[in-house]
Amino acid sequence: MNNAPSPQTPPPQRPRPHATGYLLALAAAVAYGTNAVLNRAGLAAYGSPLVAITIALAVGTGVMAPVAWRAWRRANARGDAPPDRRTLLFVMASGLSSLTGYGSNVLALSLLPVVVVTPISSAYPLVTVLLVRLLLAREEPVSRRAAVGAVCIVAGIALISIFRQ
């Protein structure tokens, strides 16, 4: 018996990179949503938002350091050129931006309920769309659909904040 696919049967498809990207974005949403609740619960026990920020970032660094080390060693083994200074500055600025965002979020959680802080801090897509438009316009043009989506997010945040009870 011939097990070869017939000419009409399409070959099995591999997962598309877009699908993987969407799944990773969904995982990020779940992680960020869980993070806000865990932070709020941890703040009740620690009392100091700065202690909570430090512990959380130390754990994150401890988890990511071996992964980064392995990636760096693989890049060296392949003979990849190290990034230039400009690239390194962008990555360092990204780290400072992440630290500022995370720290601000934890400090806000120490002052306001999770259901208030989370929608407001989730307005970052609007900032992202604006910065992409300003800084990455050639590499990633902003579609009308993306801009409208960002405006809808901000409108939703405004509605949640105005009608909060």
N, C-alpha and C. Protein backbone atom coordinates (compact mmCIF):
# COMPACT_ATOMS: atom_id res chain seq x y z
N MET A 1 0.84 -1.19 0.00
CA MET A 1 0.00 0.00 0.00
C MET A 1 0.88 1.24 0.00
N ASN A 2 0.56 2.21 -0.80
CA ASN A 2 1.34 3.43 -0.93
C ASN A 2 0.85 4.47 0.08
N ASN A 3 1.74 4.89 0.98
CA ASN A 3 1.38 5.89 2.00
C ASN A 3 1.73 7.30 1.58
N ALA A 4 2.23 7.49 0.39
CA ALA A 4 2.60 8.83 -0.07
C ALA A 4 1.33 9.67 -0.24
N PRO A 5 1.41 10.96 0.07
CA PRO A 5 0.22 11.81 -0.09
C PRO A 5 -0.18 11.90 -1.55
N SER A 6 -1.47 11.94 -1.77
CA SER A 6 -1.96 12.09 -3.14
C SER A 6 -1.67 13.50 -3.61
N PRO A 7 -1.68 13.71 -4.93
CA PRO A 7 -1.39 15.06 -5.44
C PRO A 7 -2.39 16.09 -4.94
N GLN A 8 -3.58 15.66 -4.53
CA GLN A 8 -4.59 16.61 -4.06
C GLN A 8 -4.45 16.92 -2.58
N THR A 9 -3.72 16.09 -1.83
CA THR A 9 -3.55 16.30 -0.40
C THR A 9 -2.41 17.27 -0.17
N PRO A 10 -2.70 18.40 0.48
CA PRO A 10 -1.60 19.36 0.71
C PRO A 10 -0.63 18.79 1.75
N PRO A 11 0.64 19.15 1.65
CA PRO A 11 1.61 18.67 2.65
C PRO A 11 1.29 19.29 4.01
N PRO A 12 1.67 18.59 5.08
CA PRO A 12 1.41 19.16 6.41
C PRO A 12 2.13 20.50 6.56
N GLN A 13 1.46 21.44 7.21
CA GLN A 13 2.04 22.77 7.37
C GLN A 13 2.73 22.91 8.72
N ARG A 14 3.81 23.62 8.71
CA ARG A 14 4.51 23.94 9.95
C ARG A 14 3.82 25.11 10.61
N PRO A 15 3.97 25.25 11.94
CA PRO A 15 3.38 26.43 12.58
C PRO A 15 3.95 27.70 11.97
N ARG A 16 3.07 28.65 11.73
CA ARG A 16 3.51 29.91 11.13
C ARG A 16 4.12 30.80 12.20
N PRO A 17 5.14 31.58 11.81
CA PRO A 17 5.75 32.49 12.80
C PRO A 17 4.72 33.47 13.37
N HIS A 18 3.73 33.86 12.58
CA HIS A 18 2.72 34.78 13.07
C HIS A 18 1.93 34.14 14.21
N ALA A 19 1.58 32.86 14.06
CA ALA A 19 0.83 32.17 15.11
C ALA A 19 1.65 32.12 16.39
N THR A 20 2.93 31.82 16.26
CA THR A 20 3.81 31.78 17.44
C THR A 20 3.88 33.16 18.08
N GLY A 21 3.98 34.19 17.27
CA GLY A 21 4.02 35.56 17.80
C GLY A 21 2.76 35.90 18.57
N TYR A 22 1.59 35.52 18.02
CA TYR A 22 0.33 35.79 18.70
C TYR A 22 0.25 35.02 20.02
N LEU A 23 0.70 33.77 20.02
CA LEU A 23 0.68 32.98 21.25
C LEU A 23 1.60 33.59 22.31
N LEU A 24 2.76 34.04 21.89
CA LEU A 24 3.68 34.68 22.83
C LEU A 24 3.10 35.99 23.37
N ALA A 25 2.43 36.76 22.51
CA ALA A 25 1.80 38.00 22.97
C ALA A 25 0.69 37.69 23.97
N LEU A 26 -0.06 36.63 23.73
CA LEU A 26 -1.10 36.22 24.67
C LEU A 26 -0.48 35.77 25.99
N ALA A 27 0.62 35.04 25.92
CA ALA A 27 1.33 34.63 27.13
C ALA A 27 1.81 35.85 27.91
N ALA A 28 2.27 36.88 27.20
CA ALA A 28 2.69 38.11 27.87
C ALA A 28 1.52 38.77 28.57
N ALA A 29 0.36 38.79 27.92
CA ALA A 29 -0.82 39.38 28.54
C ALA A 29 -1.20 38.64 29.82
N VAL A 30 -1.16 37.31 29.77
CA VAL A 30 -1.47 36.52 30.97
C VAL A 30 -0.44 36.79 32.06
N ALA A 31 0.84 36.85 31.69
CA ALA A 31 1.89 37.09 32.67
C ALA A 31 1.76 38.48 33.29
N TYR A 32 1.51 39.51 32.47
CA TYR A 32 1.36 40.86 33.00
C TYR A 32 0.13 40.96 33.91
N GLY A 33 -0.96 40.33 33.50
CA GLY A 33 -2.17 40.36 34.33
C GLY A 33 -1.96 39.65 35.66
N THR A 34 -1.27 38.53 35.62
CA THR A 34 -0.96 37.79 36.85
C THR A 34 0.01 38.59 37.71
N ASN A 35 0.97 39.23 37.07
CA ASN A 35 1.97 40.02 37.77
C ASN A 35 1.34 41.11 38.64
N ALA A 36 0.34 41.80 38.11
CA ALA A 36 -0.29 42.88 38.86
C ALA A 36 -0.94 42.35 40.13
N VAL A 37 -1.63 41.23 40.03
CA VAL A 37 -2.30 40.65 41.20
C VAL A 37 -1.27 40.15 42.21
N LEU A 38 -0.23 39.47 41.74
CA LEU A 38 0.81 38.98 42.64
C LEU A 38 1.55 40.13 43.33
N ASN A 39 1.82 41.19 42.58
CA ASN A 39 2.47 42.35 43.17
C ASN A 39 1.62 42.94 44.30
N ARG A 40 0.34 43.09 44.02
CA ARG A 40 -0.55 43.67 45.03
C ARG A 40 -0.57 42.81 46.29
N ALA A 41 -0.65 41.48 46.11
CA ALA A 41 -0.64 40.57 47.26
C ALA A 41 0.70 40.64 48.00
N GLY A 42 1.81 40.73 47.25
CA GLY A 42 3.12 40.83 47.87
C GLY A 42 3.33 42.13 48.61
N LEU A 43 2.75 43.20 48.09
CA LEU A 43 2.89 44.50 48.76
C LEU A 43 2.24 44.49 50.14
N ALA A 44 1.17 43.73 50.28
CA ALA A 44 0.51 43.64 51.58
C ALA A 44 1.44 43.00 52.61
N ALA A 45 2.25 42.05 52.17
CA ALA A 45 3.15 41.36 53.09
C ALA A 45 4.44 42.15 53.35
N TYR A 46 5.00 42.76 52.30
CA TYR A 46 6.28 43.46 52.45
C TYR A 46 6.13 44.90 52.91
N GLY A 47 5.06 45.52 52.52
CA GLY A 47 4.85 46.90 52.93
C GLY A 47 5.62 47.91 52.09
N SER A 48 6.85 47.61 51.74
CA SER A 48 7.66 48.54 50.98
C SER A 48 7.66 48.17 49.50
N PRO A 49 7.15 49.05 48.66
CA PRO A 49 7.17 48.75 47.22
C PRO A 49 8.58 48.58 46.68
N LEU A 50 9.55 49.30 47.22
CA LEU A 50 10.92 49.20 46.72
C LEU A 50 11.51 47.82 47.01
N VAL A 51 11.17 47.23 48.16
CA VAL A 51 11.63 45.88 48.47
C VAL A 51 11.00 44.90 47.49
N ALA A 52 9.71 45.05 47.24
CA ALA A 52 9.02 44.16 46.30
C ALA A 52 9.61 44.28 44.90
N ILE A 53 9.90 45.49 44.45
CA ILE A 53 10.50 45.70 43.13
C ILE A 53 11.86 45.01 43.06
N THR A 54 12.67 45.19 44.08
CA THR A 54 14.02 44.62 44.09
C THR A 54 13.98 43.10 44.07
N ILE A 55 13.12 42.51 44.88
CA ILE A 55 13.03 41.04 44.90
C ILE A 55 12.54 40.51 43.55
N ALA A 56 11.49 41.12 43.01
CA ALA A 56 10.95 40.66 41.73
C ALA A 56 11.98 40.76 40.61
N LEU A 57 12.71 41.87 40.56
CA LEU A 57 13.70 42.03 39.50
C LEU A 57 14.90 41.10 39.69
N ALA A 58 15.28 40.84 40.95
CA ALA A 58 16.37 39.90 41.21
C ALA A 58 16.00 38.50 40.75
N VAL A 59 14.76 38.09 41.02
CA VAL A 59 14.30 36.77 40.58
C VAL A 59 14.29 36.72 39.05
N GLY A 60 13.76 37.75 38.41
CA GLY A 60 13.74 37.79 36.95
C GLY A 60 15.14 37.74 36.35
N THR A 61 16.06 38.46 36.95
CA THR A 61 17.45 38.45 36.48
C THR A 61 18.07 37.07 36.67
N GLY A 62 17.78 36.45 37.81
CA GLY A 62 18.31 35.11 38.07
C GLY A 62 17.81 34.08 37.07
N VAL A 63 16.58 34.22 36.65
CA VAL A 63 16.02 33.29 35.67
C VAL A 63 16.58 33.57 34.28
N MET A 64 16.69 34.83 33.91
CA MET A 64 17.11 35.17 32.55
C MET A 64 18.62 35.11 32.33
N ALA A 65 19.43 35.27 33.36
CA ALA A 65 20.88 35.30 33.20
C ALA A 65 21.42 34.04 32.51
N PRO A 66 21.04 32.83 32.93
CA PRO A 66 21.56 31.65 32.22
C PRO A 66 21.11 31.59 30.76
N VAL A 67 19.90 32.02 30.48
CA VAL A 67 19.40 32.02 29.10
C VAL A 67 20.22 33.00 28.26
N ALA A 68 20.45 34.17 28.79
CA ALA A 68 21.24 35.18 28.07
C ALA A 68 22.68 34.71 27.89
N TRP A 69 23.24 34.10 28.91
CA TRP A 69 24.62 33.60 28.83
C TRP A 69 24.75 32.56 27.72
N ARG A 70 23.78 31.66 27.64
CA ARG A 70 23.80 30.62 26.61
C ARG A 70 23.69 31.24 25.21
N ALA A 71 22.80 32.20 25.05
CA ALA A 71 22.64 32.87 23.76
C ALA A 71 23.93 33.60 23.37
N TRP A 72 24.56 34.24 24.33
CA TRP A 72 25.81 34.96 24.07
C TRP A 72 26.91 34.00 23.64
N ARG A 73 26.99 32.85 24.32
CA ARG A 73 28.02 31.86 23.97
C ARG A 73 27.77 31.28 22.59
N ARG A 74 26.50 31.03 22.24
CA ARG A 74 26.19 30.51 20.90
C ARG A 74 26.57 31.53 19.83
N ALA A 75 26.28 32.81 20.09
CA ALA A 75 26.63 33.85 19.12
C ALA A 75 28.14 33.92 18.94
N ASN A 76 28.90 33.80 20.02
CA ASN A 76 30.36 33.80 19.91
C ASN A 76 30.85 32.58 19.15
N ALA A 77 30.25 31.42 19.40
CA ALA A 77 30.67 30.20 18.71
C ALA A 77 30.40 30.30 17.21
N ARG A 78 29.33 30.98 16.82
CA ARG A 78 29.03 31.17 15.39
C ARG A 78 29.91 32.24 14.77
N GLY A 79 30.60 33.01 15.60
CA GLY A 79 31.44 34.08 15.08
C GLY A 79 30.68 35.35 14.79
N ASP A 80 29.49 35.49 15.39
CA ASP A 80 28.70 36.72 15.19
C ASP A 80 29.46 37.92 15.75
N ALA A 81 29.38 39.02 15.03
CA ALA A 81 30.02 40.25 15.50
C ALA A 81 29.24 40.80 16.68
N PRO A 82 29.92 41.36 17.67
CA PRO A 82 29.20 41.96 18.78
C PRO A 82 28.42 43.18 18.31
N PRO A 83 27.35 43.53 19.00
CA PRO A 83 26.57 44.70 18.58
C PRO A 83 27.40 45.97 18.72
N ASP A 84 27.08 46.95 17.88
CA ASP A 84 27.78 48.22 17.97
C ASP A 84 27.27 49.01 19.18
N ARG A 85 27.95 50.10 19.47
CA ARG A 85 27.60 50.90 20.66
C ARG A 85 26.18 51.45 20.60
N ARG A 86 25.75 51.87 19.43
CA ARG A 86 24.40 52.43 19.29
C ARG A 86 23.36 51.37 19.66
N THR A 87 23.55 50.16 19.16
CA THR A 87 22.62 49.08 19.49
C THR A 87 22.62 48.79 20.97
N LEU A 88 23.80 48.76 21.56
CA LEU A 88 23.91 48.52 23.00
C LEU A 88 23.21 49.63 23.80
N LEU A 89 23.33 50.87 23.35
CA LEU A 89 22.64 51.97 24.03
C LEU A 89 21.13 51.82 23.95
N PHE A 90 20.61 51.38 22.79
CA PHE A 90 19.17 51.15 22.67
C PHE A 90 18.71 50.05 23.63
N VAL A 91 19.48 48.98 23.73
CA VAL A 91 19.12 47.88 24.63
C VAL A 91 19.18 48.34 26.08
N MET A 92 20.19 49.11 26.43
CA MET A 92 20.30 49.63 27.81
C MET A 92 19.16 50.59 28.12
N ALA A 93 18.81 51.44 27.16
CA ALA A 93 17.68 52.36 27.35
C ALA A 93 16.38 51.57 27.50
N SER A 94 16.26 50.47 26.77
CA SER A 94 15.09 49.61 26.92
C SER A 94 15.02 49.04 28.33
N GLY A 95 16.15 48.64 28.87
CA GLY A 95 16.18 48.13 30.25
C GLY A 95 15.76 49.18 31.25
N LEU A 96 16.26 50.39 31.07
CA LEU A 96 15.86 51.48 31.98
C LEU A 96 14.38 51.81 31.83
N SER A 97 13.88 51.76 30.61
CA SER A 97 12.47 52.00 30.38
C SER A 97 11.62 50.93 31.05
N SER A 98 12.05 49.67 30.91
CA SER A 98 11.32 48.57 31.56
C SER A 98 11.33 48.72 33.07
N LEU A 99 12.48 49.06 33.62
CA LEU A 99 12.60 49.26 35.07
C LEU A 99 11.69 50.39 35.54
N THR A 100 11.69 51.48 34.80
CA THR A 100 10.84 52.62 35.16
C THR A 100 9.36 52.24 35.08
N GLY A 101 8.98 51.55 34.02
CA GLY A 101 7.58 51.13 33.88
C GLY A 101 7.17 50.16 34.98
N TYR A 102 8.00 49.17 35.23
CA TYR A 102 7.68 48.19 36.26
C TYR A 102 7.64 48.83 37.64
N GLY A 103 8.65 49.63 37.92
CA GLY A 103 8.70 50.31 39.23
C GLY A 103 7.52 51.24 39.43
N SER A 104 7.18 52.00 38.41
CA SER A 104 6.03 52.91 38.51
C SER A 104 4.74 52.13 38.72
N ASN A 105 4.63 51.00 38.04
CA ASN A 105 3.44 50.17 38.18
C ASN A 105 3.31 49.63 39.60
N VAL A 106 4.40 49.14 40.16
CA VAL A 106 4.37 48.60 41.53
C VAL A 106 4.07 49.72 42.53
N LEU A 107 4.68 50.87 42.34
CA LEU A 107 4.39 52.00 43.24
C LEU A 107 2.92 52.40 43.14
N ALA A 108 2.37 52.42 41.92
CA ALA A 108 0.95 52.74 41.75
C ALA A 108 0.08 51.69 42.42
N LEU A 109 0.47 50.41 42.33
CA LEU A 109 -0.29 49.34 42.98
C LEU A 109 -0.27 49.47 44.50
N SER A 110 0.76 50.11 45.02
CA SER A 110 0.81 50.31 46.47
C SER A 110 -0.14 51.42 46.92
N LEU A 111 -0.63 52.21 45.96
CA LEU A 111 -1.48 53.35 46.28
C LEU A 111 -2.93 53.19 45.83
N LEU A 112 -3.14 52.39 44.77
CA LEU A 112 -4.47 52.26 44.16
C LEU A 112 -4.82 50.79 43.96
N PRO A 113 -6.10 50.48 43.81
CA PRO A 113 -6.50 49.09 43.54
C PRO A 113 -6.00 48.59 42.18
N VAL A 114 -5.81 47.28 42.08
CA VAL A 114 -5.34 46.65 40.85
C VAL A 114 -6.26 46.99 39.68
N VAL A 115 -7.56 47.00 39.92
CA VAL A 115 -8.52 47.24 38.83
C VAL A 115 -8.47 48.68 38.32
N VAL A 116 -7.82 49.55 39.03
CA VAL A 116 -7.63 50.93 38.56
C VAL A 116 -6.27 51.06 37.87
N VAL A 117 -5.23 50.54 38.51
CA VAL A 117 -3.86 50.68 37.98
C VAL A 117 -3.70 49.94 36.66
N THR A 118 -4.19 48.72 36.59
CA THR A 118 -3.94 47.90 35.42
C THR A 118 -4.48 48.51 34.13
N PRO A 119 -5.73 48.97 34.09
CA PRO A 119 -6.17 49.58 32.82
C PRO A 119 -5.38 50.83 32.44
N ILE A 120 -5.01 51.63 33.43
CA ILE A 120 -4.25 52.85 33.12
C ILE A 120 -2.87 52.50 32.60
N SER A 121 -2.19 51.57 33.28
CA SER A 121 -0.84 51.20 32.83
C SER A 121 -0.88 50.44 31.51
N SER A 122 -2.05 49.94 31.16
CA SER A 122 -2.19 49.24 29.89
C SER A 122 -2.39 50.18 28.71
N ALA A 123 -2.24 51.46 28.93
CA ALA A 123 -2.33 52.44 27.84
C ALA A 123 -1.04 52.49 27.03
N TYR A 124 -0.08 51.67 27.39
CA TYR A 124 1.21 51.73 26.70
C TYR A 124 1.14 51.48 25.20
N PRO A 125 0.14 50.74 24.65
CA PRO A 125 0.12 50.62 23.18
C PRO A 125 0.02 51.96 22.47
N LEU A 126 -0.66 52.92 23.07
CA LEU A 126 -0.74 54.24 22.45
C LEU A 126 0.64 54.88 22.38
N VAL A 127 1.39 54.77 23.47
CA VAL A 127 2.76 55.29 23.49
C VAL A 127 3.60 54.55 22.45
N THR A 128 3.43 53.24 22.39
CA THR A 128 4.19 52.43 21.43
C THR A 128 3.91 52.85 20.01
N VAL A 129 2.63 53.01 19.67
CA VAL A 129 2.26 53.42 18.31
C VAL A 129 2.86 54.79 17.98
N LEU A 130 2.79 55.71 18.92
CA LEU A 130 3.37 57.04 18.68
C LEU A 130 4.88 56.97 18.48
N LEU A 131 5.57 56.19 19.32
CA LEU A 131 7.03 56.09 19.19
C LEU A 131 7.44 55.34 17.92
N VAL A 132 6.68 54.33 17.54
CA VAL A 132 6.98 53.65 16.27
C VAL A 132 6.83 54.63 15.13
N ARG A 133 5.80 55.42 15.17
CA ARG A 133 5.57 56.42 14.12
C ARG A 133 6.72 57.43 14.06
N LEU A 134 7.24 57.81 15.22
CA LEU A 134 8.32 58.79 15.26
C LEU A 134 9.70 58.19 14.99
N LEU A 135 9.97 57.00 15.53
CA LEU A 135 11.34 56.47 15.50
C LEU A 135 11.55 55.33 14.51
N LEU A 136 10.50 54.59 14.19
CA LEU A 136 10.68 53.41 13.33
C LEU A 136 9.80 53.47 12.09
N ALA A 137 9.45 54.64 11.65
CA ALA A 137 8.50 54.80 10.54
C ALA A 137 8.94 54.05 9.29
N ARG A 138 10.23 54.01 9.01
CA ARG A 138 10.71 53.32 7.80
C ARG A 138 10.64 51.80 7.95
N GLU A 139 10.98 51.30 9.14
CA GLU A 139 11.01 49.85 9.36
C GLU A 139 9.62 49.27 9.61
N GLU A 140 8.78 50.01 10.31
CA GLU A 140 7.45 49.52 10.69
C GLU A 140 6.42 50.62 10.52
N PRO A 141 5.89 50.77 9.33
CA PRO A 141 4.86 51.80 9.15
C PRO A 141 3.63 51.47 10.00
N VAL A 142 3.02 52.49 10.57
CA VAL A 142 1.84 52.32 11.41
C VAL A 142 0.61 52.36 10.52
N SER A 143 -0.15 51.27 10.54
CA SER A 143 -1.36 51.21 9.73
C SER A 143 -2.47 51.99 10.42
N ARG A 144 -3.45 52.34 9.64
CA ARG A 144 -4.63 53.03 10.19
C ARG A 144 -5.31 52.14 11.22
N ARG A 145 -5.36 50.85 10.95
CA ARG A 145 -5.99 49.90 11.87
C ARG A 145 -5.27 49.90 13.23
N ALA A 146 -3.93 49.93 13.23
CA ALA A 146 -3.17 49.96 14.48
C ALA A 146 -3.42 51.25 15.25
N ALA A 147 -3.47 52.36 14.53
CA ALA A 147 -3.72 53.64 15.19
C ALA A 147 -5.12 53.68 15.80
N VAL A 148 -6.12 53.19 15.07
CA VAL A 148 -7.49 53.15 15.59
C VAL A 148 -7.56 52.22 16.79
N GLY A 149 -6.86 51.09 16.73
CA GLY A 149 -6.83 50.16 17.86
C GLY A 149 -6.26 50.81 19.11
N ALA A 150 -5.19 51.57 18.95
CA ALA A 150 -4.58 52.26 20.10
C ALA A 150 -5.54 53.28 20.68
N VAL A 151 -6.24 54.01 19.83
CA VAL A 151 -7.22 54.99 20.31
C VAL A 151 -8.36 54.28 21.05
N CYS A 152 -8.80 53.13 20.55
CA CYS A 152 -9.86 52.36 21.23
C CYS A 152 -9.41 51.90 22.61
N ILE A 153 -8.15 51.51 22.72
CA ILE A 153 -7.61 51.10 24.03
C ILE A 153 -7.68 52.26 25.01
N VAL A 154 -7.26 53.41 24.58
CA VAL A 154 -7.30 54.58 25.46
C VAL A 154 -8.74 54.95 25.81
N ALA A 155 -9.65 54.84 24.85
CA ALA A 155 -11.06 55.12 25.14
C ALA A 155 -11.60 54.14 26.17
N GLY A 156 -11.22 52.88 26.05
CA GLY A 156 -11.64 51.88 27.03
C GLY A 156 -11.10 52.18 28.41
N ILE A 157 -9.86 52.62 28.47
CA ILE A 157 -9.26 52.99 29.76
C ILE A 157 -10.01 54.17 30.37
N ALA A 158 -10.33 55.14 29.54
CA ALA A 158 -11.07 56.30 30.03
C ALA A 158 -12.44 55.87 30.59
N LEU A 159 -13.12 54.98 29.87
CA LEU A 159 -14.42 54.51 30.34
C LEU A 159 -14.30 53.77 31.67
N ILE A 160 -13.30 52.90 31.78
CA ILE A 160 -13.11 52.18 33.03
C ILE A 160 -12.80 53.14 34.18
N SER A 161 -11.94 54.10 33.92
CA SER A 161 -11.56 55.06 34.97
C SER A 161 -12.72 55.97 35.36
N ILE A 162 -13.50 56.41 34.40
CA ILE A 162 -14.62 57.33 34.69
C ILE A 162 -15.74 56.62 35.45
N PHE A 163 -16.04 55.39 35.02
CA PHE A 163 -17.19 54.69 35.60
C PHE A 163 -16.79 53.67 36.64
N ARG A 164 -15.64 53.81 37.23
CA ARG A 164 -15.18 52.89 38.27
C ARG A 164 -16.00 53.08 39.52
N GLN A 165 -16.26 51.96 40.19
CA GLN A 165 -17.02 52.06 41.44
C GLN A 165 -16.39 51.23 42.49
